[in-house]
């Protein structure tokens, strides 16, 4: 079986012989690229703000947890006083790298249950948008130890 090939190719159209692009094609591609960039930049900005908000929340959660551990390690039921807790509060406000942080460390004692004390740590701050975030709240409970002569 013999295969015959044509020696002279088919006449080429103008699209196959052209070596470049027209001004109209360049203009259309620039419009498409600028539309893509104009959509991508605000989306990346929102993503960056959300990432910052998540990072701040994680940092604040870790700082509140660390403060709770320090209070629990340094104090007992008998040594808890509002003045002592105020020292922790002022020390932590200097460490926080948040926008307008508001920290409150309060001592709560229920009159119905005098053997229990609660330390409530609450932290709030402004996010990158300037809005107040939902506060973090941590509660620590301290129980008075019973002496050997107290009845159960």
C-alpha atoms as a PDB file:
ATOM      1  CA  UNK A   1       0.000   0.000   0.000  1.00  0.00           C
ATOM      2  CA  UNK A   2       1.375   3.340  -1.057  1.00  0.00           C
ATOM      3  CA  UNK A   3       0.689   6.599   0.795  1.00  0.00           C
ATOM      4  CA  UNK A   4       0.648   9.660  -1.376  1.00  0.00           C
ATOM      5  CA  UNK A   5       1.547  12.961   0.054  1.00  0.00           C
ATOM      6  CA  UNK A   6       0.875  16.266  -1.443  1.00  0.00           C
ATOM      7  CA  UNK A   7       3.911  18.320  -2.087  1.00  0.00           C
ATOM      8  CA  UNK A   8       2.210  21.671  -2.150  1.00  0.00           C
ATOM      9  CA  UNK A   9       0.296  22.471   1.036  1.00  0.00           C
ATOM     10  CA  UNK A  10      -3.163  23.912   1.064  1.00  0.00           C
ATOM     11  CA  UNK A  11      -3.321  27.664   0.766  1.00  0.00           C
ATOM     12  CA  UNK A  12      -2.932  29.104   4.290  1.00  0.00           C
ATOM     13  CA  UNK A  13      -5.500  31.380   5.723  1.00  0.00           C
ATOM     14  CA  UNK A  14      -4.515  34.707   7.176  1.00  0.00           C
ATOM     15  CA  UNK A  15      -4.859  33.342  10.765  1.00  0.00           C
ATOM     16  CA  UNK A  16      -2.124  30.751  10.303  1.00  0.00           C
ATOM     17  CA  UNK A  17       0.389  33.127   8.795  1.00  0.00           C
ATOM     18  CA  UNK A  18      -0.112  36.048  11.179  1.00  0.00           C
ATOM     19  CA  UNK A  19       2.754  36.632  13.645  1.00  0.00           C
ATOM     20  CA  UNK A  20       1.369  38.728  16.531  1.00  0.00           C
ATOM     21  CA  UNK A  21      -1.868  40.042  17.957  1.00  0.00           C
ATOM     22  CA  UNK A  22      -4.035  42.967  17.276  1.00  0.00           C
ATOM     23  CA  UNK A  23      -4.653  45.988  19.449  1.00  0.00           C
ATOM     24  CA  UNK A  24      -8.187  44.789  20.040  1.00  0.00           C
ATOM     25  CA  UNK A  25      -6.948  41.468  21.455  1.00  0.00           C
ATOM     26  CA  UNK A  26      -4.503  43.278  23.737  1.00  0.00           C
ATOM     27  CA  UNK A  27      -7.265  45.617  24.922  1.00  0.00           C
ATOM     28  CA  UNK A  28      -9.639  42.732  25.681  1.00  0.00           C
ATOM     29  CA  UNK A  29      -6.952  40.833  27.597  1.00  0.00           C
ATOM     30  CA  UNK A  30      -6.120  43.961  29.629  1.00  0.00           C
ATOM     31  CA  UNK A  31      -9.806  44.372  30.510  1.00  0.00           C
ATOM     32  CA  UNK A  32     -10.013  40.740  31.664  1.00  0.00           C
ATOM     33  CA  UNK A  33      -6.857  41.026  33.754  1.00  0.00           C
ATOM     34  CA  UNK A  34      -7.975  44.284  35.374  1.00  0.00           C
ATOM     35  CA  UNK A  35     -11.391  42.774  36.189  1.00  0.00           C
ATOM     36  CA  UNK A  36      -9.696  39.773  37.797  1.00  0.00           C
ATOM     37  CA  UNK A  37      -7.373  41.962  39.850  1.00  0.00           C
ATOM     38  CA  UNK A  38     -10.200  44.289  40.924  1.00  0.00           C
ATOM     39  CA  UNK A  39     -12.093  41.273  42.275  1.00  0.00           C
ATOM     40  CA  UNK A  40      -9.066  39.580  43.839  1.00  0.00           C
ATOM     41  CA  UNK A  41      -7.692  42.543  45.819  1.00  0.00           C
ATOM     42  CA  UNK A  42     -10.805  43.154  47.983  1.00  0.00           C
ATOM     43  CA  UNK A  43     -11.172  39.408  48.518  1.00  0.00           C
ATOM     44  CA  UNK A  44      -7.556  39.149  49.686  1.00  0.00           C
ATOM     45  CA  UNK A  45      -8.092  42.143  51.985  1.00  0.00           C
ATOM     46  CA  UNK A  46     -11.101  40.473  53.625  1.00  0.00           C
ATOM     47  CA  UNK A  47      -9.128  37.238  54.007  1.00  0.00           C
ATOM     48  CA  UNK A  48      -6.277  39.175  55.645  1.00  0.00           C
ATOM     49  CA  UNK A  49      -8.652  40.853  58.143  1.00  0.00           C
ATOM     50  CA  UNK A  50     -10.225  37.503  59.003  1.00  0.00           C
ATOM     51  CA  UNK A  51      -6.787  35.967  59.513  1.00  0.00           C
ATOM     52  CA  UNK A  52      -5.848  38.827  61.846  1.00  0.00           C
ATOM     53  CA  UNK A  53      -9.093  38.385  63.787  1.00  0.00           C
ATOM     54  CA  UNK A  54      -8.462  34.666  64.210  1.00  0.00           C
ATOM     55  CA  UNK A  55      -4.869  35.302  65.296  1.00  0.00           C
ATOM     56  CA  UNK A  56      -6.011  37.887  67.841  1.00  0.00           C
ATOM     57  CA  UNK A  57      -8.668  35.534  69.231  1.00  0.00           C
ATOM     58  CA  UNK A  58      -6.102  32.745  69.593  1.00  0.00           C
ATOM     59  CA  UNK A  59      -3.632  35.079  71.306  1.00  0.00           C
ATOM     60  CA  UNK A  60      -6.307  36.408  73.658  1.00  0.00           C
ATOM     61  CA  UNK A  61      -7.516  32.897  74.513  1.00  0.00           C
ATOM     62  CA  UNK A  62      -3.992  31.800  75.361  1.00  0.00           C
ATOM     63  CA  UNK A  63      -3.356  34.912  77.481  1.00  0.00           C
ATOM     64  CA  UNK A  64      -6.601  34.490  79.443  1.00  0.00           C
ATOM     65  CA  UNK A  65      -5.815  30.803  80.009  1.00  0.00           C
ATOM     66  CA  UNK A  66      -2.298  31.678  81.185  1.00  0.00           C
ATOM     67  CA  UNK A  67      -3.673  34.309  83.551  1.00  0.00           C
ATOM     68  CA  UNK A  68      -6.123  31.755  84.955  1.00  0.00           C
ATOM     69  CA  UNK A  69      -3.302  29.292  85.546  1.00  0.00           C
ATOM     70  CA  UNK A  70      -1.209  31.951  87.298  1.00  0.00           C
ATOM     71  CA  UNK A  71      -4.101  32.920  89.562  1.00  0.00           C
ATOM     72  CA  UNK A  72      -4.834  29.287  90.378  1.00  0.00           C
ATOM     73  CA  UNK A  73      -1.178  28.516  91.088  1.00  0.00           C
ATOM     74  CA  UNK A  74      -0.484  31.592  93.223  1.00  0.00           C
ATOM     75  CA  UNK A  75      -3.657  31.700  95.299  1.00  0.00           C
ATOM     76  CA  UNK A  76      -5.769  29.608  97.585  1.00  0.00           C
ATOM     77  CA  UNK A  77      -9.282  30.152  98.878  1.00  0.00           C
ATOM     78  CA  UNK A  78      -7.962  32.157 101.824  1.00  0.00           C
ATOM     79  CA  UNK A  79      -5.605  34.442  99.856  1.00  0.00           C
ATOM     80  CA  UNK A  80      -8.104  35.590  97.226  1.00  0.00           C
ATOM     81  CA  UNK A  81      -8.894  39.284  97.534  1.00  0.00           C
ATOM     82  CA  UNK A  82     -10.115  41.864  95.009  1.00  0.00           C
ATOM     83  CA  UNK A  83      -6.921  43.894  95.544  1.00  0.00           C
ATOM     84  CA  UNK A  84      -4.727  40.937  94.714  1.00  0.00           C
ATOM     85  CA  UNK A  85      -6.742  40.195  91.574  1.00  0.00           C
ATOM     86  CA  UNK A  86      -6.412  43.845  90.488  1.00  0.00           C
ATOM     87  CA  UNK A  87      -2.624  43.362  90.400  1.00  0.00           C
ATOM     88  CA  UNK A  88      -3.043  40.541  87.891  1.00  0.00           C
ATOM     89  CA  UNK A  89      -5.379  42.693  85.829  1.00  0.00           C
ATOM     90  CA  UNK A  90      -2.990  45.644  85.533  1.00  0.00           C
ATOM     91  CA  UNK A  91      -0.066  43.340  84.729  1.00  0.00           C
ATOM     92  CA  UNK A  92      -1.874  41.585  81.913  1.00  0.00           C
ATOM     93  CA  UNK A  93      -3.131  44.755  80.220  1.00  0.00           C
ATOM     94  CA  UNK A  94       0.488  45.750  79.573  1.00  0.00           C
ATOM     95  CA  UNK A  95       1.202  42.418  77.842  1.00  0.00           C
ATOM     96  CA  UNK A  96      -1.787  42.339  75.487  1.00  0.00           C
ATOM     97  CA  UNK A  97      -1.195  43.371  71.895  1.00  0.00           C
ATOM     98  CA  UNK A  98      -4.856  44.046  71.130  1.00  0.00           C
ATOM     99  CA  UNK A  99      -6.761  47.135  70.051  1.00  0.00           C
ATOM    100  CA  UNK A 100      -8.376  48.758  73.108  1.00  0.00           C
ATOM    101  CA  UNK A 101      -8.415  45.693  75.374  1.00  0.00           C
ATOM    102  CA  UNK A 102     -10.844  45.670  78.287  1.00  0.00           C
ATOM    103  CA  UNK A 103     -10.052  43.152  80.996  1.00  0.00           C
ATOM    104  CA  UNK A 104     -11.959  42.530  84.174  1.00  0.00           C
ATOM    105  CA  UNK A 105     -10.959  40.101  86.898  1.00  0.00           C
ATOM    106  CA  UNK A 106     -13.670  39.864  89.537  1.00  0.00           C
ATOM    107  CA  UNK A 107     -14.103  37.841  92.681  1.00  0.00           C
ATOM    108  CA  UNK A 108     -17.596  36.490  93.269  1.00  0.00           C
ATOM    109  CA  UNK A 109     -18.694  34.845  96.478  1.00  0.00           C
ATOM    110  CA  UNK A 110     -22.194  33.498  96.869  1.00  0.00           C
ATOM    111  CA  UNK A 111     -23.720  34.085 100.294  1.00  0.00           C
ATOM    112  CA  UNK A 112     -25.621  30.799 100.058  1.00  0.00           C
ATOM    113  CA  UNK A 113     -22.408  28.827  99.546  1.00  0.00           C
ATOM    114  CA  UNK A 114     -19.664  30.506 101.608  1.00  0.00           C
ATOM    115  CA  UNK A 115     -17.166  27.708 100.941  1.00  0.00           C
ATOM    116  CA  UNK A 116     -16.945  28.507  97.209  1.00  0.00           C
ATOM    117  CA  UNK A 117     -15.408  31.504  95.477  1.00  0.00           C
ATOM    118  CA  UNK A 118     -15.426  32.235  91.786  1.00  0.00           C
ATOM    119  CA  UNK A 119     -12.849  34.276  89.899  1.00  0.00           C
ATOM    120  CA  UNK A 120     -14.275  35.518  86.600  1.00  0.00           C
ATOM    121  CA  UNK A 121     -11.861  36.749  83.925  1.00  0.00           C
ATOM    122  CA  UNK A 122     -13.433  38.598  81.013  1.00  0.00           C
ATOM    123  CA  UNK A 123     -11.537  40.064  78.051  1.00  0.00           C
ATOM    124  CA  UNK A 124     -12.877  42.057  75.123  1.00  0.00           C
ATOM    125  CA  UNK A 125     -11.198  44.137  72.401  1.00  0.00           C
ATOM    126  CA  UNK A 126     -11.827  45.693  68.989  1.00  0.00           C
ATOM    127  CA  UNK A 127     -11.245  43.709  65.805  1.00  0.00           C
ATOM    128  CA  UNK A 128      -9.486  45.125  62.690  1.00  0.00           C
ATOM    129  CA  UNK A 129     -12.840  46.529  61.517  1.00  0.00           C
ATOM    130  CA  UNK A 130     -13.154  48.564  64.747  1.00  0.00           C
ATOM    131  CA  UNK A 131     -16.050  46.500  66.140  1.00  0.00           C
ATOM    132  CA  UNK A 132     -16.114  44.995  69.623  1.00  0.00           C
ATOM    133  CA  UNK A 133     -15.642  41.230  69.553  1.00  0.00           C
ATOM    134  CA  UNK A 134     -17.567  38.776  71.699  1.00  0.00           C
ATOM    135  CA  UNK A 135     -15.745  38.677  75.032  1.00  0.00           C
ATOM    136  CA  UNK A 136     -13.743  35.742  76.274  1.00  0.00           C
ATOM    137  CA  UNK A 137     -14.888  34.513  79.651  1.00  0.00           C
ATOM    138  CA  UNK A 138     -13.018  32.187  81.978  1.00  0.00           C
ATOM    139  CA  UNK A 139     -14.259  31.130  85.412  1.00  0.00           C
ATOM    140  CA  UNK A 140     -12.071  29.665  88.137  1.00  0.00           C
ATOM    141  CA  UNK A 141     -13.558  28.042  91.201  1.00  0.00           C
ATOM    142  CA  UNK A 142     -11.850  27.915  94.559  1.00  0.00           C
ATOM    143  CA  UNK A 143     -13.151  25.740  97.394  1.00  0.00           C
ATOM    144  CA  UNK A 144     -12.324  26.172 101.023  1.00  0.00           C
ATOM    145  CA  UNK A 145     -10.574  23.169 102.473  1.00  0.00           C
ATOM    146  CA  UNK A 146     -12.393  21.517 105.318  1.00  0.00           C
ATOM    147  CA  UNK A 147     -10.606  21.138 108.562  1.00  0.00           C
ATOM    148  CA  UNK A 148     -10.459  17.760 110.225  1.00  0.00           C
ATOM    149  CA  UNK A 149     -12.895  18.783 112.977  1.00  0.00           C
ATOM    150  CA  UNK A 150     -15.632  19.945 110.517  1.00  0.00           C
ATOM    151  CA  UNK A 151     -18.370  17.463 109.794  1.00  0.00           C
ATOM    152  CA  UNK A 152     -19.251  16.485 106.285  1.00  0.00           C
END
